[in-house]
Amino acid sequence: MTPTEAAASALQDHAALWSVGEVRASDVVNAACDALIAGLDTPGLRILAACTRAEADYDVHDLLPAALDELGLTFYPVDDEAGHEAAARALARRMLAGELTPREFTFRIHRRHGHELPLTERLAELDDEYGVLEYDDEYDVLEYGDRTVAQVDAEVTAEARRLAAHPAIPTGPTHTLG
């Protein structure tokens, strides 16, 4: 992945995470700045990147759709199911990058989506398993399956890899960056 593709992917992930309340508007602005530094350059991206931290909370909602559109990226409205799925995939990439532990990842997915989002149902179930493990720290096993924390972590990691396999940015002949 080229630096501009990586920056576009990071901006897309930040936008999806922002749309579901997982990151602050200032984080989106920072991702826009990183995208400019990486070589992406559109009028909307420049305006978005120029927001101050104080302006971000008020202006990102209006500026982000145009900036993403100019880059051929997707804006997900608040409470859009595709946006929730994109945010779950972004969290999976963060976990695989070491920014979240498997336990933190499942907790955030479960807290945000419960057992309602089919894409992340297994992760919600695994978060429930972690809950049982917390009560049996002395033996580090689940009462109903003799699974260790390491085994649950491994399954969470496999689920994260499955989710992250879907690209953050569209690929193919119709997608261009800038």
Protein backbone atom coordinates (compact mmCIF):
# COMPACT_ATOMS: atom_id res chain seq x y z
CA MET A 1 0.00 0.00 0.00
CA THR A 2 1.40 3.38 -0.99
CA PRO A 3 1.60 6.22 1.55
CA THR A 4 -1.32 8.01 -0.11
CA GLU A 5 -3.43 4.84 -0.06
CA ALA A 6 -2.54 4.30 3.61
CA ALA A 7 -3.51 7.89 4.41
CA ALA A 8 -6.80 7.54 2.52
CA SER A 9 -7.51 4.30 4.37
CA ALA A 10 -6.76 5.95 7.72
CA LEU A 11 -9.00 8.90 6.89
CA GLN A 12 -11.79 6.53 5.83
CA ASP A 13 -11.42 4.59 9.09
CA HIS A 14 -11.45 7.77 11.17
CA ALA A 15 -14.54 8.99 9.35
CA ALA A 16 -16.35 5.70 9.99
CA LEU A 17 -15.31 5.67 13.64
CA TRP A 18 -16.42 9.28 14.06
CA SER A 19 -19.83 8.51 12.54
CA VAL A 20 -20.51 6.01 15.34
CA GLY A 21 -18.99 8.11 18.12
CA GLU A 22 -15.80 6.09 18.57
CA VAL A 23 -13.38 8.97 17.91
CA ARG A 24 -13.51 12.72 18.32
CA ALA A 25 -13.95 15.19 15.47
CA SER A 26 -10.42 16.47 16.15
CA ASP A 27 -9.12 12.95 15.39
CA VAL A 28 -10.73 13.21 11.94
CA VAL A 29 -9.07 16.59 11.42
CA ASN A 30 -5.71 15.07 12.40
CA ALA A 31 -6.26 12.25 9.89
CA ALA A 32 -7.03 14.90 7.24
CA CYS A 33 -3.74 16.64 8.08
CA ASP A 34 -1.89 13.33 7.77
CA ALA A 35 -3.56 12.77 4.40
CA LEU A 36 -2.33 16.14 3.16
CA ILE A 37 1.19 15.37 4.35
CA ALA A 38 1.03 12.00 2.56
CA GLY A 39 0.23 13.74 -0.72
CA LEU A 40 -3.54 13.73 -0.96
CA ASP A 41 -4.77 17.21 -1.85
CA THR A 42 -8.26 18.44 -2.59
CA PRO A 43 -9.98 21.70 -1.67
CA GLY A 44 -12.31 19.99 0.80
CA LEU A 45 -9.47 18.10 2.43
CA ARG A 46 -7.53 21.35 2.90
CA ILE A 47 -10.54 23.02 4.52
CA LEU A 48 -11.12 20.03 6.80
CA ALA A 49 -7.45 19.87 7.79
CA ALA A 50 -7.48 23.60 8.60
CA CYS A 51 -10.08 23.21 11.35
CA THR A 52 -8.90 24.03 14.84
CA ARG A 53 -9.62 21.64 17.66
CA ALA A 54 -12.38 23.99 18.86
CA GLU A 55 -13.93 24.23 15.37
CA ALA A 56 -13.78 20.51 14.70
CA ASP A 57 -16.74 19.58 16.90
CA TYR A 58 -18.92 22.04 15.01
CA ASP A 59 -17.55 21.87 11.47
CA VAL A 60 -16.55 18.26 10.77
CA HIS A 61 -20.16 17.20 10.25
CA ASP A 62 -20.51 19.71 7.40
CA LEU A 63 -16.99 19.45 5.92
CA LEU A 64 -16.34 15.71 6.03
CA PRO A 65 -18.84 14.54 3.38
CA ALA A 66 -17.40 16.81 0.68
CA ALA A 67 -13.79 16.04 1.59
CA LEU A 68 -14.42 12.31 1.41
CA ASP A 69 -16.38 12.62 -1.82
CA GLU A 70 -13.52 14.52 -3.51
CA LEU A 71 -11.23 11.62 -2.61
CA GLY A 72 -13.66 8.94 -3.77
CA LEU A 73 -14.21 7.80 -0.18
CA THR A 74 -17.47 7.05 1.60
CA PHE A 75 -19.26 9.21 4.16
CA TYR A 76 -21.39 7.17 6.56
CA PRO A 77 -24.27 9.06 8.17
CA VAL A 78 -24.82 8.58 11.88
CA ASP A 79 -26.65 5.31 12.62
CA ASP A 80 -26.07 3.90 9.13
CA GLU A 81 -25.64 0.10 9.26
CA ALA A 82 -22.88 0.18 6.63
CA GLY A 83 -21.17 2.81 8.77
CA HIS A 84 -21.39 0.56 11.82
CA GLU A 85 -19.83 -2.26 9.82
CA ALA A 86 -17.07 0.05 8.53
CA ALA A 87 -16.39 1.20 12.09
CA ALA A 88 -16.19 -2.40 13.31
CA ARG A 89 -13.68 -3.16 10.56
CA ALA A 90 -11.68 -0.05 11.51
CA LEU A 91 -11.58 -1.19 15.14
CA ALA A 92 -10.42 -4.61 13.98
CA ARG A 93 -7.54 -2.99 12.09
CA ARG A 94 -6.67 -1.01 15.22
CA MET A 95 -6.62 -4.17 17.30
CA LEU A 96 -4.40 -5.94 14.81
CA ALA A 97 -2.06 -2.91 14.83
CA GLY A 98 -1.72 -3.26 18.60
CA GLU A 99 -3.76 -0.17 19.50
CA LEU A 100 -6.35 -2.28 21.34
CA THR A 101 -6.12 -5.56 23.22
CA PRO A 102 -8.46 -8.35 22.11
CA ARG A 103 -10.50 -7.77 25.30
CA GLU A 104 -10.77 -4.01 24.66
CA PHE A 105 -11.77 -4.69 21.06
CA THR A 106 -14.62 -7.05 21.98
CA PHE A 107 -15.76 -4.73 24.77
CA ARG A 108 -16.01 -1.75 22.41
CA ILE A 109 -17.83 -3.81 19.76
CA HIS A 110 -20.24 -5.27 22.31
CA ARG A 111 -20.88 -1.90 23.97
CA ARG A 112 -21.56 -0.21 20.61
CA HIS A 113 -23.56 -2.94 18.84
CA GLY A 114 -24.64 -5.46 21.45
CA HIS A 115 -25.73 -8.64 19.71
CA GLU A 116 -27.63 -6.69 17.03
CA LEU A 117 -25.06 -6.33 14.24
CA PRO A 118 -24.74 -9.67 12.40
CA LEU A 119 -21.18 -8.88 11.28
CA THR A 120 -19.98 -8.64 14.90
CA GLU A 121 -22.27 -11.13 16.66
CA ARG A 122 -19.42 -13.57 17.35
CA LEU A 123 -17.32 -10.78 18.88
CA ALA A 124 -20.19 -9.90 21.24
CA GLU A 125 -20.36 -13.57 22.25
CA LEU A 126 -16.60 -13.58 22.85
CA ASP A 127 -16.94 -10.47 25.01
CA ASP A 128 -19.47 -12.42 27.07
CA GLU A 129 -16.87 -15.18 27.43
CA TYR A 130 -14.33 -12.67 28.69
CA GLY A 131 -16.89 -11.64 31.30
CA VAL A 132 -17.00 -15.18 32.62
CA LEU A 133 -13.22 -15.40 32.58
CA GLU A 134 -13.00 -12.30 34.76
CA TYR A 135 -14.81 -14.16 37.53
CA ASP A 136 -12.53 -17.17 37.33
CA ASP A 137 -9.11 -15.49 37.27
CA GLU A 138 -7.68 -17.98 39.76
CA TYR A 139 -7.96 -20.82 37.24
CA ASP A 140 -8.05 -18.79 34.01
CA VAL A 141 -10.64 -21.07 32.41
CA LEU A 142 -14.27 -20.80 31.46
CA GLU A 143 -16.61 -22.88 33.57
CA TYR A 144 -18.56 -24.10 30.58
CA GLY A 145 -15.83 -24.91 28.12
CA ASP A 146 -12.41 -24.98 29.76
CA ARG A 147 -11.13 -22.26 27.41
CA THR A 148 -8.25 -20.11 28.50
CA VAL A 149 -7.88 -16.37 28.01
CA ALA A 150 -5.23 -17.11 25.38
CA GLN A 151 -7.68 -19.28 23.44
CA VAL A 152 -10.36 -16.59 23.51
CA ASP A 153 -7.74 -13.99 22.51
CA ALA A 154 -6.77 -16.19 19.56
CA GLU A 155 -10.38 -16.48 18.38
CA VAL A 156 -10.87 -12.72 18.74
CA THR A 157 -7.72 -12.16 16.68
CA ALA A 158 -9.03 -14.51 13.98
CA GLU A 159 -12.33 -12.59 13.92
CA ALA A 160 -10.43 -9.30 13.69
CA ARG A 161 -8.45 -10.64 10.73
CA ARG A 162 -11.69 -11.68 9.04
CA LEU A 163 -13.15 -8.20 9.49
CA ALA A 164 -9.96 -6.38 8.53
CA ALA A 165 -9.66 -8.37 5.30
CA HIS A 166 -12.30 -6.05 3.85
CA PRO A 167 -10.45 -2.95 2.59
CA ALA A 168 -11.09 0.42 4.21
CA ILE A 169 -11.02 2.12 0.83
CA PRO A 170 -12.58 0.84 -2.37
CA THR A 171 -10.17 -0.82 -4.73
CA GLY A 172 -10.44 -1.49 -8.41
CA PRO A 173 -10.33 0.39 -11.66
CA THR A 174 -12.89 3.05 -10.72
CA HIS A 175 -11.13 4.22 -7.57
CA THR A 176 -8.55 6.97 -7.69
CA LEU A 177 -6.93 8.99 -4.96
CA GLY A 178 -6.84 12.66 -5.89
